[in-house]
């Protein structure tokens, strides 16, 4: 059984958790603006995994919020 935790985080924290297969749910938000550089969340080298989209909502400014659950 896995613990449930909810937090906003950066790629530097999420990537090791994905690599260790410790995440069961992802909340992703996409905003239609370019904010510059930074670390990529989904790089080459992460182990393959399957996810199911369980919720999606879009906002008035084009932002999209998505919730994915791990398909095991």
N, C-alpha and C. Protein backbone atom coordinates (compact mmCIF):
# COMPACT_ATOMS: atom_id res chain seq x y z
N UNK A 1 0.84 -1.17 0.00
CA UNK A 1 0.00 0.00 0.00
C UNK A 1 0.89 1.24 0.00
N UNK A 2 0.53 2.21 -0.81
CA UNK A 2 1.33 3.42 -0.93
C UNK A 2 0.68 4.57 -0.18
N UNK A 3 1.51 5.40 0.38
CA UNK A 3 1.01 6.58 1.08
C UNK A 3 0.54 7.61 0.07
N UNK A 4 -0.47 8.37 0.44
CA UNK A 4 -0.99 9.43 -0.41
C UNK A 4 -0.44 10.76 0.07
N UNK A 5 0.08 11.52 -0.86
CA UNK A 5 0.61 12.83 -0.51
C UNK A 5 0.23 13.81 -1.60
N UNK A 6 -0.08 15.01 -1.25
CA UNK A 6 -0.42 16.04 -2.21
C UNK A 6 0.53 17.22 -2.00
N UNK A 7 1.25 17.59 -3.06
CA UNK A 7 2.16 18.72 -2.95
C UNK A 7 2.45 19.28 -4.34
N UNK A 8 2.77 20.54 -4.37
CA UNK A 8 3.23 21.17 -5.59
C UNK A 8 4.74 21.04 -5.58
N UNK A 9 5.29 20.64 -6.70
CA UNK A 9 6.71 20.38 -6.68
C UNK A 9 7.34 20.66 -8.02
N UNK A 10 8.65 20.58 -8.02
CA UNK A 10 9.41 20.81 -9.23
C UNK A 10 9.87 19.49 -9.81
N UNK A 11 10.40 19.56 -11.02
CA UNK A 11 10.90 18.36 -11.69
C UNK A 11 12.01 17.68 -10.88
N UNK A 12 12.79 18.46 -10.12
CA UNK A 12 13.89 17.87 -9.36
C UNK A 12 13.40 16.92 -8.26
N UNK A 13 12.16 17.08 -7.82
CA UNK A 13 11.59 16.18 -6.81
C UNK A 13 10.75 15.08 -7.48
N UNK A 14 9.97 15.45 -8.47
CA UNK A 14 9.06 14.50 -9.11
C UNK A 14 9.81 13.44 -9.90
N UNK A 15 10.86 13.81 -10.61
CA UNK A 15 11.59 12.85 -11.45
C UNK A 15 12.14 11.67 -10.67
N UNK A 16 12.80 11.87 -9.52
CA UNK A 16 13.28 10.71 -8.75
C UNK A 16 12.14 9.83 -8.24
N UNK A 17 10.99 10.44 -7.90
CA UNK A 17 9.85 9.66 -7.46
C UNK A 17 9.28 8.81 -8.60
N UNK A 18 9.23 9.39 -9.80
CA UNK A 18 8.80 8.62 -10.98
C UNK A 18 9.77 7.48 -11.27
N UNK A 19 11.06 7.78 -11.21
CA UNK A 19 12.08 6.77 -11.49
C UNK A 19 12.02 5.62 -10.48
N UNK A 20 11.66 5.91 -9.23
CA UNK A 20 11.58 4.89 -8.18
C UNK A 20 10.19 4.23 -8.15
N UNK A 21 9.31 4.60 -9.08
CA UNK A 21 7.96 4.03 -9.16
C UNK A 21 7.17 4.27 -7.86
N UNK A 22 7.26 5.49 -7.32
CA UNK A 22 6.60 5.82 -6.06
C UNK A 22 5.38 6.74 -6.21
N UNK A 23 4.99 7.05 -7.44
CA UNK A 23 3.83 7.93 -7.64
C UNK A 23 2.69 7.13 -8.25
N UNK A 24 1.49 7.35 -7.72
CA UNK A 24 0.28 6.70 -8.24
C UNK A 24 -0.66 7.69 -8.91
N UNK A 25 -0.45 8.99 -8.68
CA UNK A 25 -1.33 10.01 -9.26
C UNK A 25 -0.50 11.23 -9.61
N UNK A 26 -0.79 11.80 -10.77
CA UNK A 26 -0.15 13.05 -11.21
C UNK A 26 -1.22 14.10 -11.49
N UNK A 27 -1.03 15.29 -10.95
CA UNK A 27 -1.86 16.45 -11.26
C UNK A 27 -0.99 17.36 -12.11
N UNK A 28 -1.35 17.52 -13.36
CA UNK A 28 -0.56 18.36 -14.27
C UNK A 28 -1.38 19.55 -14.73
N UNK A 29 -0.72 20.69 -14.83
CA UNK A 29 -1.36 21.89 -15.36
C UNK A 29 -0.50 22.44 -16.48
N UNK A 30 -1.17 22.81 -17.55
CA UNK A 30 -0.49 23.39 -18.71
C UNK A 30 -1.05 24.79 -18.92
N UNK A 31 -0.14 25.76 -19.03
CA UNK A 31 -0.52 27.14 -19.23
C UNK A 31 -0.01 27.60 -20.59
N UNK A 32 -0.81 28.34 -21.35
CA UNK A 32 -0.42 28.77 -22.70
C UNK A 32 0.48 30.01 -22.70
N UNK A 33 1.64 29.91 -22.05
CA UNK A 33 2.60 31.00 -22.09
C UNK A 33 4.00 30.42 -21.99
N UNK A 34 4.94 31.13 -22.49
CA UNK A 34 6.33 30.69 -22.44
C UNK A 34 7.01 31.43 -21.31
N UNK A 35 7.54 30.67 -20.34
CA UNK A 35 8.15 31.29 -19.17
C UNK A 35 9.66 31.16 -19.17
N UNK A 36 10.23 30.61 -20.22
CA UNK A 36 11.68 30.49 -20.27
C UNK A 36 12.14 29.06 -20.12
N UNK A 37 13.40 28.89 -19.76
CA UNK A 37 14.00 27.57 -19.65
C UNK A 37 13.65 26.90 -18.34
N UNK A 38 14.33 25.82 -18.12
CA UNK A 38 14.11 25.07 -16.89
C UNK A 38 14.27 23.59 -17.14
N UNK A 39 14.19 22.83 -16.09
CA UNK A 39 14.36 21.40 -16.18
C UNK A 39 13.08 20.77 -16.74
N UNK A 40 13.25 19.81 -17.65
CA UNK A 40 12.12 19.10 -18.22
C UNK A 40 11.62 18.06 -17.22
N UNK A 41 10.30 17.90 -17.15
CA UNK A 41 9.74 16.91 -16.24
C UNK A 41 9.88 15.50 -16.81
N UNK A 42 9.60 15.32 -18.09
CA UNK A 42 9.64 13.99 -18.70
C UNK A 42 10.82 13.90 -19.66
N UNK A 43 11.95 13.48 -19.15
CA UNK A 43 13.17 13.29 -19.93
C UNK A 43 13.24 11.88 -20.49
N UNK A 44 14.19 11.69 -21.40
CA UNK A 44 14.56 10.34 -21.78
C UNK A 44 15.23 9.70 -20.56
N UNK A 45 15.09 8.41 -20.41
CA UNK A 45 15.75 7.72 -19.33
C UNK A 45 14.83 7.33 -18.18
N UNK A 46 13.63 7.91 -18.12
CA UNK A 46 12.69 7.46 -17.10
C UNK A 46 12.11 6.12 -17.53
N UNK A 47 11.83 5.23 -16.58
CA UNK A 47 11.26 3.94 -16.96
C UNK A 47 9.87 4.13 -17.57
N UNK A 48 9.53 3.27 -18.51
CA UNK A 48 8.21 3.32 -19.14
C UNK A 48 7.14 2.98 -18.11
N UNK A 49 6.02 3.67 -18.19
CA UNK A 49 4.90 3.40 -17.31
C UNK A 49 3.62 3.79 -18.03
N UNK A 50 2.50 3.27 -17.56
CA UNK A 50 1.21 3.57 -18.17
C UNK A 50 0.35 4.36 -17.20
N UNK A 51 -0.34 5.36 -17.74
CA UNK A 51 -1.17 6.25 -16.94
C UNK A 51 -2.53 6.40 -17.62
N UNK A 52 -3.58 6.61 -16.81
CA UNK A 52 -4.93 6.83 -17.33
C UNK A 52 -5.39 8.23 -16.94
N UNK A 53 -5.91 8.97 -17.92
CA UNK A 53 -6.47 10.29 -17.64
C UNK A 53 -7.82 10.09 -16.95
N UNK A 54 -7.95 10.61 -15.71
CA UNK A 54 -9.20 10.43 -14.98
C UNK A 54 -10.00 11.72 -14.86
N UNK A 55 -9.36 12.86 -15.10
CA UNK A 55 -10.07 14.14 -15.04
C UNK A 55 -9.34 15.16 -15.88
N UNK A 56 -10.13 15.99 -16.57
CA UNK A 56 -9.55 17.07 -17.38
C UNK A 56 -10.48 18.26 -17.32
N UNK A 57 -9.89 19.44 -17.17
CA UNK A 57 -10.69 20.66 -17.12
C UNK A 57 -9.89 21.78 -17.77
N UNK A 58 -10.56 22.59 -18.57
CA UNK A 58 -9.87 23.72 -19.19
C UNK A 58 -10.45 25.02 -18.66
N UNK A 59 -9.61 26.05 -18.65
CA UNK A 59 -10.01 27.35 -18.14
C UNK A 59 -10.24 28.36 -19.23
N UNK A 60 -10.67 29.53 -18.84
CA UNK A 60 -11.01 30.60 -19.79
C UNK A 60 -9.81 31.13 -20.56
N UNK A 61 -8.61 31.01 -20.00
CA UNK A 61 -7.41 31.54 -20.65
C UNK A 61 -6.64 30.46 -21.41
N UNK A 62 -7.23 29.28 -21.57
CA UNK A 62 -6.59 28.20 -22.31
C UNK A 62 -5.79 27.24 -21.45
N UNK A 63 -5.77 27.45 -20.14
CA UNK A 63 -5.04 26.53 -19.28
C UNK A 63 -5.80 25.21 -19.18
N UNK A 64 -5.05 24.13 -18.98
CA UNK A 64 -5.65 22.80 -18.88
C UNK A 64 -5.12 22.14 -17.62
N UNK A 65 -6.02 21.61 -16.81
CA UNK A 65 -5.67 20.83 -15.62
C UNK A 65 -6.04 19.38 -15.88
N UNK A 66 -5.10 18.47 -15.63
CA UNK A 66 -5.34 17.04 -15.88
C UNK A 66 -4.91 16.24 -14.67
N UNK A 67 -5.63 15.17 -14.40
CA UNK A 67 -5.28 14.24 -13.32
C UNK A 67 -5.13 12.87 -13.95
N UNK A 68 -3.96 12.27 -13.71
CA UNK A 68 -3.66 10.93 -14.22
C UNK A 68 -3.44 9.98 -13.06
N UNK A 69 -4.01 8.78 -13.17
CA UNK A 69 -3.74 7.70 -12.21
C UNK A 69 -2.88 6.66 -12.88
N UNK A 70 -1.99 6.07 -12.10
CA UNK A 70 -1.11 5.02 -12.60
C UNK A 70 -1.93 3.79 -12.92
N UNK A 71 -1.76 3.23 -14.10
CA UNK A 71 -2.42 1.98 -14.50
C UNK A 71 -1.49 0.84 -14.13
N UNK A 72 -1.89 0.05 -13.18
CA UNK A 72 -1.06 -1.06 -12.71
C UNK A 72 -1.68 -2.39 -13.06
